[in-house]
Amino acid sequence: MSVGRLGLRLLIGGLFVGHGTQKLFGWFGGPGRAGTEGMMEALEMRPAKVHATLAGVTETAGGALLAAGLATPVAASALTGVMTTAIRKVHLPNGPWSANGGWEYNAVLIGAVTALAETGPGDLSLDSLLGIERRGPAVALAALATGVATSFLTMAVAGRGRPGVTSGPSAPPEGTAGDPTTAGA
């Protein structure tokens, strides 16, 4: 399973690096910082510049750590946090199915990184090479809980800067079925 876990880490981690660099630098057809700031403002994640940078850095660094198999539980927690926020701020109102802009893909990613936190990154990882691999059900549950809690905390802090107080997830900006980062928000 070391090869399977390596492949999973490289695939998911690499895609997160790509997604984060879309936000930060506009690579791979992404919106860059200005577009991501606009998306964060539309999602009422204020200050938008800070949240745009944090989202891009978290996805890029979390993806790189996951791909390398370094600090795997930390990577899983970080990626769970951004995916939980995406579900709550963008995808939840659309139901579960990705075809309708729903949250199924985000949930699968959360499940996959949680599974990697439980099983460990495998022998072909920096965690293993350095002798710092942490794994098991408690580690996986801690990574999952930390990621979800961080999302809730992030959204609570972001909500302080918005005019008026609303409860529950915000509807995604108009015309942003799926990921608003790549849908032109």
Protein backbone atom coordinates (compact mmCIF):
# COMPACT_ATOMS: atom_id res chain seq x y z
CA MET A 1 0.00 0.00 0.00
CA SER A 2 2.96 2.40 0.17
CA VAL A 3 2.76 2.92 -3.60
CA GLY A 4 -1.02 3.41 -3.41
CA ARG A 5 -0.70 5.96 -0.62
CA LEU A 6 2.09 7.73 -2.51
CA GLY A 7 -0.12 7.95 -5.59
CA LEU A 8 -3.05 9.24 -3.54
CA ARG A 9 -0.87 11.82 -1.79
CA LEU A 10 0.67 13.02 -5.05
CA LEU A 11 -2.71 13.28 -6.78
CA ILE A 12 -4.60 15.06 -4.00
CA GLY A 13 -1.63 17.12 -2.83
CA GLY A 14 -0.73 18.15 -6.36
CA LEU A 15 -4.29 19.21 -7.13
CA PHE A 16 -4.39 21.30 -3.95
CA VAL A 17 -1.09 22.95 -4.87
CA GLY A 18 -2.59 23.79 -8.27
CA HIS A 19 -5.79 25.09 -6.71
CA GLY A 20 -3.90 27.23 -4.20
CA THR A 21 -1.62 28.70 -6.86
CA GLN A 22 -4.68 29.55 -8.94
CA LYS A 23 -5.77 31.74 -6.04
CA LEU A 24 -2.35 33.20 -5.28
CA PHE A 25 -0.79 33.69 -8.71
CA GLY A 26 -3.48 33.11 -11.32
CA TRP A 27 -1.70 29.96 -12.52
CA PHE A 28 -3.59 27.23 -14.38
CA GLY A 29 -6.34 29.62 -15.46
CA GLY A 30 -7.09 30.79 -11.93
CA PRO A 31 -8.29 34.21 -10.84
CA GLY A 32 -5.14 35.28 -8.99
CA ARG A 33 -5.18 37.38 -5.84
CA ALA A 34 -7.53 40.08 -7.15
CA GLY A 35 -10.12 37.58 -8.36
CA THR A 36 -9.86 35.54 -5.18
CA GLU A 37 -10.26 38.70 -3.10
CA GLY A 38 -13.43 39.48 -5.06
CA MET A 39 -14.72 35.98 -4.40
CA MET A 40 -13.97 36.30 -0.68
CA GLU A 41 -15.75 39.64 -0.53
CA ALA A 42 -18.79 38.14 -2.28
CA LEU A 43 -18.74 35.28 0.24
CA GLU A 44 -18.54 37.80 3.10
CA MET A 45 -15.13 36.54 4.20
CA ARG A 46 -13.67 39.82 5.43
CA PRO A 47 -11.10 41.18 5.25
CA ALA A 48 -11.16 39.67 1.78
CA LYS A 49 -7.45 40.22 1.09
CA VAL A 50 -6.45 38.30 4.23
CA HIS A 51 -8.85 35.43 3.57
CA ALA A 52 -7.81 35.19 -0.09
CA THR A 53 -4.17 34.92 0.92
CA LEU A 54 -4.88 32.45 3.73
CA ALA A 55 -6.95 30.21 1.49
CA GLY A 56 -4.31 30.16 -1.25
CA VAL A 57 -1.41 29.60 1.15
CA THR A 58 -3.29 26.90 3.08
CA GLU A 59 -4.16 24.98 -0.07
CA THR A 60 -0.67 25.34 -1.53
CA ALA A 61 1.26 24.48 1.65
CA GLY A 62 -1.20 21.79 2.76
CA GLY A 63 -1.05 20.18 -0.67
CA ALA A 64 2.75 20.29 -0.76
CA LEU A 65 2.99 18.74 2.72
CA LEU A 66 0.51 16.02 1.78
CA ALA A 67 2.31 15.22 -1.48
CA ALA A 68 5.65 14.96 0.33
CA GLY A 69 4.17 12.95 3.17
CA LEU A 70 5.50 15.48 5.66
CA ALA A 71 3.47 16.41 8.76
CA THR A 72 0.61 14.45 7.23
CA PRO A 73 -1.90 15.05 10.06
CA VAL A 74 -1.23 18.81 9.85
CA ALA A 75 -1.73 18.71 6.08
CA ALA A 76 -4.96 16.75 6.50
CA SER A 77 -6.21 19.24 9.07
CA ALA A 78 -5.39 22.26 6.90
CA LEU A 79 -7.04 20.79 3.81
CA THR A 80 -10.07 19.70 5.82
CA GLY A 81 -10.42 23.27 7.07
CA VAL A 82 -10.47 24.84 3.61
CA MET A 83 -12.83 22.17 2.26
CA THR A 84 -15.19 22.59 5.21
CA THR A 85 -15.28 26.32 4.61
CA ALA A 86 -15.93 25.76 0.90
CA ILE A 87 -18.80 23.44 1.75
CA ARG A 88 -20.34 25.87 4.21
CA LYS A 89 -19.87 29.06 2.18
CA VAL A 90 -20.38 27.81 -1.38
CA HIS A 91 -21.60 24.26 -1.89
CA LEU A 92 -24.04 23.44 0.92
CA PRO A 93 -27.07 25.26 -0.56
CA ASN A 94 -26.64 23.26 -3.79
CA GLY A 95 -27.16 19.83 -2.22
CA PRO A 96 -24.70 16.96 -2.35
CA TRP A 97 -24.09 16.45 -6.07
CA SER A 98 -21.12 18.06 -7.79
CA ALA A 99 -23.06 18.32 -11.05
CA ASN A 100 -25.28 20.87 -9.28
CA GLY A 101 -22.39 22.70 -7.60
CA GLY A 102 -22.81 20.59 -4.45
CA TRP A 103 -20.42 19.38 -1.80
CA GLU A 104 -19.77 15.73 -2.72
CA TYR A 105 -16.26 16.29 -4.11
CA ASN A 106 -15.22 18.33 -1.06
CA ALA A 107 -16.53 15.58 1.23
CA VAL A 108 -14.60 12.92 -0.70
CA LEU A 109 -11.41 14.95 -0.33
CA ILE A 110 -12.01 15.33 3.41
CA GLY A 111 -12.56 11.56 3.65
CA ALA A 112 -9.40 10.82 1.68
CA VAL A 113 -7.10 13.08 3.71
CA THR A 114 -8.63 11.77 6.95
CA ALA A 115 -7.93 8.21 5.77
CA LEU A 116 -4.32 9.19 5.03
CA ALA A 117 -4.02 10.65 8.53
CA GLU A 118 -5.29 7.34 9.95
CA THR A 119 -3.14 5.00 7.84
CA GLY A 120 -0.13 7.29 7.67
CA PRO A 121 1.57 8.47 4.50
CA GLY A 122 3.43 5.18 3.96
CA ASP A 123 7.06 4.17 3.70
CA LEU A 124 7.60 6.41 0.67
CA SER A 125 7.21 9.64 2.64
CA LEU A 126 9.28 12.23 4.47
CA ASP A 127 7.42 11.42 7.70
CA SER A 128 8.67 7.84 7.46
CA LEU A 129 12.18 8.83 6.34
CA LEU A 130 12.52 11.26 9.25
CA GLY A 131 10.93 8.88 11.75
CA ILE A 132 8.17 11.35 12.66
CA GLU A 133 5.17 9.52 11.22
CA ARG A 134 2.03 9.85 13.35
CA ARG A 135 -1.04 7.82 12.46
CA GLY A 136 -4.03 5.98 13.84
CA PRO A 137 -7.69 6.61 14.59
CA ALA A 138 -6.99 9.22 17.27
CA VAL A 139 -4.65 11.14 14.95
CA ALA A 140 -7.23 11.02 12.13
CA LEU A 141 -10.06 12.19 14.38
CA ALA A 142 -7.88 14.97 15.78
CA ALA A 143 -6.95 16.14 12.28
CA LEU A 144 -10.59 16.05 11.19
CA ALA A 145 -11.83 17.87 14.30
CA THR A 146 -9.09 20.50 14.09
CA GLY A 147 -9.85 21.20 10.43
CA VAL A 148 -13.60 21.53 11.04
CA ALA A 149 -13.06 23.69 14.15
CA THR A 150 -10.64 25.92 12.26
CA SER A 151 -13.25 26.42 9.55
CA PHE A 152 -15.87 27.44 12.10
CA LEU A 153 -13.40 29.80 13.80
CA THR A 154 -12.32 31.31 10.47
CA MET A 155 -15.91 31.96 9.48
CA ALA A 156 -16.73 33.47 12.88
CA VAL A 157 -13.80 35.87 12.59
CA ALA A 158 -14.71 36.69 8.99
CA GLY A 159 -18.28 37.40 10.07
CA ARG A 160 -17.17 40.17 12.42
CA GLY A 161 -16.33 42.40 9.47
CA ARG A 162 -19.54 42.02 7.57
CA PRO A 163 -22.38 44.49 7.70
CA GLY A 164 -25.43 43.13 9.48
CA VAL A 165 -25.58 39.73 11.12
CA THR A 166 -26.96 36.70 9.36
CA SER A 167 -26.96 33.10 10.41
CA GLY A 168 -26.24 29.98 8.43
CA PRO A 169 -24.22 29.54 5.27
CA SER A 170 -24.26 32.23 2.65
CA ALA A 171 -25.55 31.49 -0.80
CA PRO A 172 -22.79 31.43 -3.39
CA PRO A 173 -22.44 34.45 -5.63
CA GLU A 174 -24.64 34.41 -8.71
CA GLY A 175 -23.32 32.18 -11.51
CA THR A 176 -20.84 30.24 -9.37
CA ALA A 177 -22.08 26.67 -9.49
CA GLY A 178 -19.13 24.62 -8.41
CA ASP A 179 -15.95 26.38 -7.35
CA PRO A 180 -16.34 30.15 -7.59
CA THR A 181 -12.58 30.44 -8.00
CA THR A 182 -12.80 28.89 -11.44
CA ALA A 183 -16.33 30.05 -12.27
CA GLY A 184 -15.36 33.69 -12.69
CA ALA A 185 -16.46 35.08 -9.30
